[in-house]
Amino acid sequence: MIVLWISLLFHQAYTLVPVKTVQLGEPANLTCVLPKGLSSRKVYWYKQSLGGALKLIVTLYKNAAPEYGPEFSSLRFHLHNDNSFSNLTILTTAQEDEGIYHCGILEWINPQWNGTYLLVKGNSQRTSNYTVVQWPTAFGPARPGDTATFNCSVLSDSDNLCPGYFNVLWFRAGSDKSHPNMVSTDRNRHNDCESRFDSQNRCVYRFSKNVSSSDAGTYYCAVAACGEMLFGNGTTLEVGMIL
């Protein structure tokens, strides 16, 4: 299982969120560390598709039987808590299981949230039909207050396209080599995609932001398609000084 680190904006605060990759059809194990001295021992697990609302998977309170949400059941999910961890297992992963899984410990004084992005890896042969291209390769030097626009195209020369929508994420890798930050998410809409005269199908995504002095770095477009995460070549943003 591959673990990457990204940064997710959730509840108006940045927290490091692991991204786990699992092969389609295999079990996926998600673990949440429980704080010491937890009094209520009531733990909630939620699923969130990119751009979607939270959906309650299951609640477990002390030694009571797990209570599953309306769209989930013990036939596909298993939950176990001990003194230190809460472990949620998807017994057999499906493509629709991809998304962010939140573990919530809701106490009156200090509620805590932990998140994991689960990437379900499907048929890798299908993604060979896709190419992700970013432009421009460099932007700037921009001054604080300017608007920077990053462009990303998903190209395909095949009609055998994956069903549903692409999930598109934008990351920034700072010049200090720190962990990349997730800066934006998007889902394609019908007017984002077009058929070109060269018989290629193309979906175009754009991300714009007002530049600040701390925004320098390389911005990457990442596209989740057919159970694979495809990365663009990156656009480097240079930020200059205001004279």
C-alpha atoms as a PDB file:
ATOM      1  CA  MET A   1       0.000   0.000   0.000  1.00  0.00           C
ATOM      2  CA  ILE A   2       1.456   3.313  -1.110  1.00  0.00           C
ATOM      3  CA  VAL A   3       1.298   6.234   1.299  1.00  0.00           C
ATOM      4  CA  LEU A   4       1.768   9.793   0.110  1.00  0.00           C
ATOM      5  CA  TRP A   5       1.338  12.932   2.175  1.00  0.00           C
ATOM      6  CA  ILE A   6      -0.820  15.815   1.137  1.00  0.00           C
ATOM      7  CA  SER A   7      -2.390  18.731   2.920  1.00  0.00           C
ATOM      8  CA  LEU A   8      -6.159  19.050   3.156  1.00  0.00           C
ATOM      9  CA  LEU A   9      -8.134  22.138   4.077  1.00  0.00           C
ATOM     10  CA  PHE A  10     -10.773  20.896   6.531  1.00  0.00           C
ATOM     11  CA  HIS A  11     -12.648  22.781   9.242  1.00  0.00           C
ATOM     12  CA  GLN A  12     -10.588  25.872   8.331  1.00  0.00           C
ATOM     13  CA  ALA A  13      -7.293  24.273   9.391  1.00  0.00           C
ATOM     14  CA  TYR A  14      -4.555  22.429   7.524  1.00  0.00           C
ATOM     15  CA  THR A  15      -3.771  18.893   8.665  1.00  0.00           C
ATOM     16  CA  LEU A  16      -1.507  16.325   7.037  1.00  0.00           C
ATOM     17  CA  VAL A  17      -3.627  13.627   5.451  1.00  0.00           C
ATOM     18  CA  PRO A  18      -2.191  10.295   4.238  1.00  0.00           C
ATOM     19  CA  VAL A  19      -3.224   9.099   0.789  1.00  0.00           C
ATOM     20  CA  LYS A  20      -3.456   5.306   0.609  1.00  0.00           C
ATOM     21  CA  THR A  21      -3.620   3.359  -2.628  1.00  0.00           C
ATOM     22  CA  VAL A  22      -5.273  -0.057  -2.753  1.00  0.00           C
ATOM     23  CA  GLN A  23      -5.848  -2.401  -5.672  1.00  0.00           C
ATOM     24  CA  LEU A  24      -9.449  -2.700  -6.817  1.00  0.00           C
ATOM     25  CA  GLY A  25     -11.103  -5.671  -5.101  1.00  0.00           C
ATOM     26  CA  GLU A  26      -8.582  -5.893  -2.261  1.00  0.00           C
ATOM     27  CA  PRO A  27      -9.380  -4.975   1.372  1.00  0.00           C
ATOM     28  CA  ALA A  28      -8.483  -1.496   2.619  1.00  0.00           C
ATOM     29  CA  ASN A  29      -7.559  -0.844   6.233  1.00  0.00           C
ATOM     30  CA  LEU A  30      -7.942   2.683   7.635  1.00  0.00           C
ATOM     31  CA  THR A  31      -6.597   3.456  11.095  1.00  0.00           C
ATOM     32  CA  CYS A  32      -7.352   6.331  13.444  1.00  0.00           C
ATOM     33  CA  VAL A  33      -5.281   6.970  16.571  1.00  0.00           C
ATOM     34  CA  LEU A  34      -7.479   7.503  19.628  1.00  0.00           C
ATOM     35  CA  PRO A  35      -6.359  10.121  22.160  1.00  0.00           C
ATOM     36  CA  LYS A  36      -5.349   8.975  25.590  1.00  0.00           C
ATOM     37  CA  GLY A  37      -7.903   9.469  28.348  1.00  0.00           C
ATOM     38  CA  LEU A  38     -10.829   9.412  25.932  1.00  0.00           C
ATOM     39  CA  SER A  39     -13.923   9.559  28.104  1.00  0.00           C
ATOM     40  CA  SER A  40     -16.849   9.111  25.726  1.00  0.00           C
ATOM     41  CA  ARG A  41     -15.177   6.488  23.481  1.00  0.00           C
ATOM     42  CA  LYS A  42     -17.751   7.342  20.808  1.00  0.00           C
ATOM     43  CA  VAL A  43     -16.102   7.234  17.405  1.00  0.00           C
ATOM     44  CA  TYR A  44     -17.652   8.224  14.065  1.00  0.00           C
ATOM     45  CA  TRP A  45     -16.382   7.319  10.584  1.00  0.00           C
ATOM     46  CA  TYR A  46     -17.495   9.381   7.578  1.00  0.00           C
ATOM     47  CA  LYS A  47     -16.868   9.121   3.842  1.00  0.00           C
ATOM     48  CA  GLN A  48     -16.570  12.172   1.620  1.00  0.00           C
ATOM     49  CA  SER A  49     -16.252  12.088  -2.154  1.00  0.00           C
ATOM     50  CA  LEU A  50     -14.338  15.013  -3.616  1.00  0.00           C
ATOM     51  CA  GLY A  51     -16.710  17.942  -3.777  1.00  0.00           C
ATOM     52  CA  GLY A  52     -19.385  15.999  -1.889  1.00  0.00           C
ATOM     53  CA  ALA A  53     -20.923  16.061   1.562  1.00  0.00           C
ATOM     54  CA  LEU A  54     -19.973  13.901   4.527  1.00  0.00           C
ATOM     55  CA  LYS A  55     -21.810  10.560   4.730  1.00  0.00           C
ATOM     56  CA  LEU A  56     -21.918   8.678   8.008  1.00  0.00           C
ATOM     57  CA  ILE A  57     -20.486   5.172   7.640  1.00  0.00           C
ATOM     58  CA  VAL A  58     -20.626   3.869  11.184  1.00  0.00           C
ATOM     59  CA  THR A  59     -20.711   4.866  14.852  1.00  0.00           C
ATOM     60  CA  LEU A  60     -19.222   2.816  17.669  1.00  0.00           C
ATOM     61  CA  TYR A  61     -19.791   3.616  21.337  1.00  0.00           C
ATOM     62  CA  LYS A  62     -17.768   1.670  23.893  1.00  0.00           C
ATOM     63  CA  ASN A  63     -18.764  -2.001  23.741  1.00  0.00           C
ATOM     64  CA  ALA A  64     -22.076  -1.516  21.911  1.00  0.00           C
ATOM     65  CA  ALA A  65     -22.669  -2.979  18.460  1.00  0.00           C
ATOM     66  CA  PRO A  66     -21.633  -0.694  15.558  1.00  0.00           C
ATOM     67  CA  GLU A  67     -24.449   1.419  14.093  1.00  0.00           C
ATOM     68  CA  TYR A  68     -24.113   1.770  10.319  1.00  0.00           C
ATOM     69  CA  GLY A  69     -25.364   4.639   8.192  1.00  0.00           C
ATOM     70  CA  PRO A  70     -28.159   4.110   5.625  1.00  0.00           C
ATOM     71  CA  GLU A  71     -25.757   3.575   2.682  1.00  0.00           C
ATOM     72  CA  PHE A  72     -23.311   1.261   4.474  1.00  0.00           C
ATOM     73  CA  SER A  73     -23.479  -2.157   6.156  1.00  0.00           C
ATOM     74  CA  SER A  74     -21.391  -4.789   7.908  1.00  0.00           C
ATOM     75  CA  LEU A  75     -21.417  -6.815   4.674  1.00  0.00           C
ATOM     76  CA  ARG A  76     -18.716  -4.523   3.275  1.00  0.00           C
ATOM     77  CA  PHE A  77     -17.322  -2.682   6.305  1.00  0.00           C
ATOM     78  CA  HIS A  78     -15.876  -3.847   9.594  1.00  0.00           C
ATOM     79  CA  LEU A  79     -15.084  -1.577  12.548  1.00  0.00           C
ATOM     80  CA  HIS A  80     -13.013  -2.413  15.590  1.00  0.00           C
ATOM     81  CA  ASN A  81     -11.897  -0.126  18.424  1.00  0.00           C
ATOM     82  CA  ASP A  82      -9.351  -0.851  21.121  1.00  0.00           C
ATOM     83  CA  ASN A  83      -7.737   1.396  23.727  1.00  0.00           C
ATOM     84  CA  SER A  84      -5.432   3.109  21.221  1.00  0.00           C
ATOM     85  CA  PHE A  85      -6.857   2.749  17.706  1.00  0.00           C
ATOM     86  CA  SER A  86     -10.041   2.699  15.683  1.00  0.00           C
ATOM     87  CA  ASN A  87      -9.719   0.436  12.642  1.00  0.00           C
ATOM     88  CA  LEU A  88     -12.137   0.582   9.708  1.00  0.00           C
ATOM     89  CA  THR A  89     -11.800  -2.150   7.075  1.00  0.00           C
ATOM     90  CA  ILE A  90     -13.437  -2.177   3.657  1.00  0.00           C
ATOM     91  CA  LEU A  91     -13.635  -5.903   3.003  1.00  0.00           C
ATOM     92  CA  THR A  92     -13.650  -5.704  -0.815  1.00  0.00           C
ATOM     93  CA  THR A  93     -12.967  -2.331  -2.414  1.00  0.00           C
ATOM     94  CA  ALA A  94     -15.032  -0.999  -5.307  1.00  0.00           C
ATOM     95  CA  GLN A  95     -14.255   2.011  -7.476  1.00  0.00           C
ATOM     96  CA  GLU A  96     -16.885   4.116  -5.707  1.00  0.00           C
ATOM     97  CA  ASP A  97     -15.047   3.613  -2.400  1.00  0.00           C
ATOM     98  CA  GLU A  98     -12.490   6.196  -3.457  1.00  0.00           C
ATOM     99  CA  GLY A  99     -12.642   9.370  -1.383  1.00  0.00           C
ATOM    100  CA  ILE A 100     -11.704  10.913   1.942  1.00  0.00           C
ATOM    101  CA  TYR A 101     -12.442   8.931   5.103  1.00  0.00           C
ATOM    102  CA  HIS A 102     -12.808  10.958   8.283  1.00  0.00           C
ATOM    103  CA  CYS A 103     -12.511   9.580  11.795  1.00  0.00           C
ATOM    104  CA  GLY A 104     -14.254  11.823  14.318  1.00  0.00           C
ATOM    105  CA  ILE A 105     -13.949  11.664  18.090  1.00  0.00           C
ATOM    106  CA  LEU A 106     -16.629  14.033  19.309  1.00  0.00           C
ATOM    107  CA  GLU A 107     -16.131  15.128  22.904  1.00  0.00           C
ATOM    108  CA  TRP A 108     -17.570  18.295  24.385  1.00  0.00           C
ATOM    109  CA  ILE A 109     -14.232  19.938  25.096  1.00  0.00           C
ATOM    110  CA  ASN A 110     -11.890  18.895  22.285  1.00  0.00           C
ATOM    111  CA  PRO A 111     -13.419  17.209  19.212  1.00  0.00           C
ATOM    112  CA  GLN A 112     -10.796  15.651  16.953  1.00  0.00           C
ATOM    113  CA  TRP A 113     -10.789  14.760  13.262  1.00  0.00           C
ATOM    114  CA  ASN A 114      -8.413  12.625  11.225  1.00  0.00           C
ATOM    115  CA  GLY A 115      -8.645  12.059   7.485  1.00  0.00           C
ATOM    116  CA  THR A 116      -7.293   9.579   4.948  1.00  0.00           C
ATOM    117  CA  TYR A 117      -7.681   9.790   1.178  1.00  0.00           C
ATOM    118  CA  LEU A 118      -8.264   6.325  -0.287  1.00  0.00           C
ATOM    119  CA  LEU A 119      -7.261   5.907  -3.933  1.00  0.00           C
ATOM    120  CA  VAL A 120      -8.652   2.741  -5.526  1.00  0.00           C
ATOM    121  CA  LYS A 121      -6.332   1.492  -8.245  1.00  0.00           C
ATOM    122  CA  GLY A 122      -8.218  -0.148 -11.086  1.00  0.00           C
ATOM    123  CA  ASN A 123      -7.350  -1.354 -14.565  1.00  0.00           C
ATOM    124  CA  SER A 124      -4.041   0.341 -15.369  1.00  0.00           C
ATOM    125  CA  GLN A 125      -4.335  -0.461 -19.096  1.00  0.00           C
ATOM    126  CA  ARG A 126      -7.213   1.948 -19.503  1.00  0.00           C
ATOM    127  CA  THR A 127      -5.247   4.950 -18.268  1.00  0.00           C
ATOM    128  CA  SER A 128      -2.663   4.529 -21.036  1.00  0.00           C
ATOM    129  CA  ASN A 129      -5.233   6.314 -23.216  1.00  0.00           C
ATOM    130  CA  TYR A 130      -4.855   9.487 -21.138  1.00  0.00           C
ATOM    131  CA  THR A 131      -2.254  12.241 -21.157  1.00  0.00           C
ATOM    132  CA  VAL A 132      -2.185  15.129 -18.674  1.00  0.00           C
ATOM    133  CA  VAL A 133      -0.561  18.330 -19.945  1.00  0.00           C
ATOM    134  CA  GLN A 134      -0.055  21.603 -18.051  1.00  0.00           C
ATOM    135  CA  TRP A 135       0.703  25.030 -19.419  1.00  0.00           C
ATOM    136  CA  PRO A 136       2.482  27.346 -19.122  1.00  0.00           C
ATOM    137  CA  THR A 137       5.555  25.542 -17.774  1.00  0.00           C
ATOM    138  CA  ALA A 138       6.553  28.708 -15.894  1.00  0.00           C
ATOM    139  CA  PHE A 139       4.675  31.772 -14.681  1.00  0.00           C
ATOM    140  CA  GLY A 140       6.202  35.015 -13.527  1.00  0.00           C
ATOM    141  CA  PRO A 141       7.842  36.691 -11.973  1.00  0.00           C
ATOM    142  CA  ALA A 142       4.486  37.679 -10.495  1.00  0.00           C
ATOM    143  CA  ARG A 143       4.031  40.345  -7.879  1.00  0.00           C
ATOM    144  CA  PRO A 144       1.885  39.984  -4.748  1.00  0.00           C
ATOM    145  CA  GLY A 145      -1.684  40.896  -5.700  1.00  0.00           C
ATOM    146  CA  ASP A 146      -1.395  39.599  -9.277  1.00  0.00           C
ATOM    147  CA  THR A 147      -3.645  36.796 -10.517  1.00  0.00           C
ATOM    148  CA  ALA A 148      -1.983  33.569 -11.640  1.00  0.00           C
ATOM    149  CA  THR A 149      -3.914  31.073 -13.770  1.00  0.00           C
ATOM    150  CA  PHE A 150      -2.775  27.463 -14.168  1.00  0.00           C
ATOM    151  CA  ASN A 151      -4.103  25.291 -16.986  1.00  0.00           C
ATOM    152  CA  CYS A 152      -4.400  21.517 -17.193  1.00  0.00           C
ATOM    153  CA  SER A 153      -5.670  19.359 -20.068  1.00  0.00           C
ATOM    154  CA  VAL A 154      -6.636  15.693 -19.971  1.00  0.00           C
ATOM    155  CA  LEU A 155      -6.258  14.289 -23.496  1.00  0.00           C
ATOM    156  CA  SER A 156      -7.513  10.965 -24.841  1.00  0.00           C
ATOM    157  CA  ASP A 157      -7.372   9.488 -28.327  1.00  0.00           C
ATOM    158  CA  SER A 158      -9.782   6.680 -27.438  1.00  0.00           C
ATOM    159  CA  ASP A 159     -13.552   6.483 -27.188  1.00  0.00           C
ATOM    160  CA  ASN A 160     -13.180   3.898 -24.404  1.00  0.00           C
ATOM    161  CA  LEU A 161     -13.433   6.508 -21.667  1.00  0.00           C
ATOM    162  CA  CYS A 162     -14.006   5.809 -18.007  1.00  0.00           C
ATOM    163  CA  PRO A 163     -17.571   6.388 -16.802  1.00  0.00           C
ATOM    164  CA  GLY A 164     -18.369   9.239 -14.464  1.00  0.00           C
ATOM    165  CA  TYR A 165     -16.406  12.376 -13.719  1.00  0.00           C
ATOM    166  CA  PHE A 166     -12.721  13.047 -13.306  1.00  0.00           C
ATOM    167  CA  ASN A 167     -11.534  14.137  -9.888  1.00  0.00           C
ATOM    168  CA  VAL A 168      -8.970  16.913 -10.251  1.00  0.00           C
ATOM    169  CA  LEU A 169      -6.666  18.081  -7.467  1.00  0.00           C
ATOM    170  CA  TRP A 170      -4.096  20.863  -7.488  1.00  0.00           C
ATOM    171  CA  PHE A 171      -0.936  20.590  -5.385  1.00  0.00           C
ATOM    172  CA  ARG A 172       1.817  23.072  -4.621  1.00  0.00           C
ATOM    173  CA  ALA A 173       5.355  21.923  -3.868  1.00  0.00           C
ATOM    174  CA  GLY A 174       7.213  24.765  -2.158  1.00  0.00           C
ATOM    175  CA  SER A 175      10.792  25.720  -2.933  1.00  0.00           C
ATOM    176  CA  ASP A 176      11.764  24.520   0.577  1.00  0.00           C
ATOM    177  CA  LYS A 177      11.036  20.880  -0.442  1.00  0.00           C
ATOM    178  CA  SER A 178       8.307  20.589   2.194  1.00  0.00           C
ATOM    179  CA  HIS A 179       5.327  18.257   1.804  1.00  0.00           C
ATOM    180  CA  PRO A 180       3.091  19.337  -1.089  1.00  0.00           C
ATOM    181  CA  ASN A 181      -0.112  21.137  -0.162  1.00  0.00           C
ATOM    182  CA  MET A 182      -3.496  20.444  -1.717  1.00  0.00           C
ATOM    183  CA  VAL A 183      -4.635  23.888  -2.808  1.00  0.00           C
ATOM    184  CA  SER A 184      -7.809  23.119  -4.754  1.00  0.00           C
ATOM    185  CA  THR A 185     -10.138  20.333  -5.884  1.00  0.00           C
ATOM    186  CA  ASP A 186     -12.490  20.270  -8.855  1.00  0.00           C
ATOM    187  CA  ARG A 187     -14.821  17.952 -10.732  1.00  0.00           C
ATOM    188  CA  ASN A 188     -15.269  18.271 -14.462  1.00  0.00           C
ATOM    189  CA  ARG A 189     -18.491  19.673 -15.813  1.00  0.00           C
ATOM    190  CA  HIS A 190     -19.866  19.038 -19.287  1.00  0.00           C
ATOM    191  CA  ASN A 191     -18.682  22.402 -20.583  1.00  0.00           C
ATOM    192  CA  ASP A 192     -15.100  21.619 -19.509  1.00  0.00           C
ATOM    193  CA  CYS A 193     -14.796  18.901 -22.167  1.00  0.00           C
ATOM    194  CA  GLU A 194     -14.778  19.177 -25.923  1.00  0.00           C
ATOM    195  CA  SER A 195     -14.051  17.078 -29.037  1.00  0.00           C
ATOM    196  CA  ARG A 196     -11.175  18.500 -31.050  1.00  0.00           C
ATOM    197  CA  PHE A 197     -10.654  18.462 -34.819  1.00  0.00           C
ATOM    198  CA  ASP A 198      -7.700  16.059 -34.396  1.00  0.00           C
ATOM    199  CA  SER A 199     -10.141  13.427 -33.019  1.00  0.00           C
ATOM    200  CA  GLN A 200      -8.777  13.784 -29.495  1.00  0.00           C
ATOM    201  CA  ASN A 201     -11.142  14.223 -26.598  1.00  0.00           C
ATOM    202  CA  ARG A 202      -9.999  16.954 -24.237  1.00  0.00           C
ATOM    203  CA  CYS A 203     -11.058  18.168 -20.821  1.00  0.00           C
ATOM    204  CA  VAL A 204      -9.592  21.479 -19.662  1.00  0.00           C
ATOM    205  CA  TYR A 205      -9.267  22.599 -16.045  1.00  0.00           C
ATOM    206  CA  ARG A 206      -8.124  25.969 -14.764  1.00  0.00           C
ATOM    207  CA  PHE A 207      -7.090  27.104 -11.329  1.00  0.00           C
ATOM    208  CA  SER A 208      -6.645  30.804 -10.527  1.00  0.00           C
ATOM    209  CA  LYS A 209      -5.391  32.472  -7.366  1.00  0.00           C
ATOM    210  CA  ASN A 210      -4.298  35.864  -6.104  1.00  0.00           C
ATOM    211  CA  VAL A 211      -0.557  35.713  -5.607  1.00  0.00           C
ATOM    212  CA  SER A 212       1.020  36.341  -2.224  1.00  0.00           C
ATOM    213  CA  SER A 213       4.702  36.440  -1.328  1.00  0.00           C
ATOM    214  CA  SER A 214       4.580  32.864   0.034  1.00  0.00           C
ATOM    215  CA  ASP A 215       3.033  31.260  -3.085  1.00  0.00           C
ATOM    216  CA  ALA A 216       6.257  30.540  -4.987  1.00  0.00           C
ATOM    217  CA  GLY A 217       6.724  26.903  -5.975  1.00  0.00           C
ATOM    218  CA  THR A 218       5.643  24.311  -8.525  1.00  0.00           C
ATOM    219  CA  TYR A 219       1.931  23.638  -9.019  1.00  0.00           C
ATOM    220  CA  TYR A 220       0.835  20.189 -10.176  1.00  0.00           C
ATOM    221  CA  CYS A 221      -2.463  19.069 -11.648  1.00  0.00           C
ATOM    222  CA  ALA A 222      -3.404  15.537 -10.498  1.00  0.00           C
ATOM    223  CA  VAL A 223      -6.265  13.701 -12.179  1.00  0.00           C
ATOM    224  CA  ALA A 224      -7.931  10.629 -10.698  1.00  0.00           C
ATOM    225  CA  ALA A 225      -9.104   8.578 -13.685  1.00  0.00           C
ATOM    226  CA  CYS A 226     -10.025   4.893 -13.923  1.00  0.00           C
ATOM    227  CA  GLY A 227      -8.491   4.141 -10.554  1.00  0.00           C
ATOM    228  CA  GLU A 228      -5.152   5.808 -11.335  1.00  0.00           C
ATOM    229  CA  MET A 229      -3.696   9.154 -10.277  1.00  0.00           C
ATOM    230  CA  LEU A 230      -2.152  10.922 -13.271  1.00  0.00           C
ATOM    231  CA  PHE A 231       0.131  13.938 -12.723  1.00  0.00           C
ATOM    232  CA  GLY A 232       0.890  16.843 -15.014  1.00  0.00           C
ATOM    233  CA  ASN A 233       4.370  18.156 -15.710  1.00  0.00           C
ATOM    234  CA  GLY A 234       3.950  21.112 -13.334  1.00  0.00           C
ATOM    235  CA  THR A 235       3.939  24.893 -13.621  1.00  0.00           C
ATOM    236  CA  THR A 236       6.551  26.862 -11.691  1.00  0.00           C
ATOM    237  CA  LEU A 237       5.389  30.130 -10.158  1.00  0.00           C
ATOM    238  CA  GLU A 238       8.038  32.736  -9.443  1.00  0.00           C
ATOM    239  CA  VAL A 239       7.093  35.578  -7.115  1.00  0.00           C
ATOM    240  CA  GLY A 240       9.006  38.839  -7.339  1.00  0.00           C
ATOM    241  CA  MET A 241       9.312  41.796  -5.028  1.00  0.00           C
ATOM    242  CA  ILE A 242       7.144  44.913  -5.059  1.00  0.00           C
ATOM    243  CA  LEU A 243       9.430  47.812  -5.856  1.00  0.00           C
END
